[in-house]
């Protein structure tokens, strides 16, 4: 794979392409000042990022869309240069709610289509205005939806031209098989977005996805900065790892750049998130060197099989994906 800053896309099974380096747009809505996502996405486009990963539940799609539109208007990019991934949230799994949810994303972005639309989690929540519905005892209210019926509603959105490609996120092998073996499957999932980094390399799921022509998109590719309610704090800090630091010294790169390059080089797309201008630029500087086969093997050997993002608050959901081995 000859990857360059200008050209680092790989093919999806439906004929579309996905850039291997993306930009995550999640920011805690309570703590992120208004306009942050707008400015950071504009900067990211100037730096060279073309793949943006967002979601309705990030509450900032209007800013991300504005940034994309401003950079199209000033001639920096064309719409077809940009790859935007949106996500179907847990409260919109019933088939009748799928297209309206996607249309909310399109309306916020003020774009005609998204490039990829994915089921964010295989766990349905009670539909309604609340994204995180709870009962009076503070317990999450779950909902049963047939994931195959949800998928058929997504297929209709693709057929209507609202989205170019369809995928999933946080699906285990069993859940992927439900879709892949669905009678009358029209559009297979092209991607599965899961946690993936040198401490959680996902060897078995990655192999299964490769066998089925599903691209893995890795979130938390350099560990995680989310707060303790979301993140397993028992995880050792990835970026202080001695091996990553020492390989970095050899190439005059940081441990973060080594971690990103590791996944990109094995065909895993990565979506590092940063609202720090220096780090946004820094994370993009991964195309001017490559890791040797020995270094790749050594980094693979760092796998501890521990997740940063365990989602334990939903571990009693019947479709909680992380009870299975992979």
Foldseek 3Di string as FASTA:
>chain_A
DQDDLQDQWDAFPVGDIDHQEAAEQADQPVPDDPLLSLVQLLLLVVLRHQEYEDEVVSVCLLSNLVNVVVCCVVPSDPPVSHAYEYEDAQQQQQLVRQVVRLVVSCVSSVHQAHAEYEHEAPWHFHHDDDSQDADPVRAGHGDDDDNLSSVVSVVVCCVVVRYVAYAYELADPVRLCCQVVPPPRDHHHREYEYADWLQAHPVVRCVVCVVVNHAYAHECLQHDDDDPVFFDPVDDRNQVDPLLCVVCVVVVAGSLLSGSLLCSVVRHRYHYYDSDSVVSSRNSPNNPDHDDPVSSVVSNVNHNNDGGGQVVSCVPGPPRRPVDPD
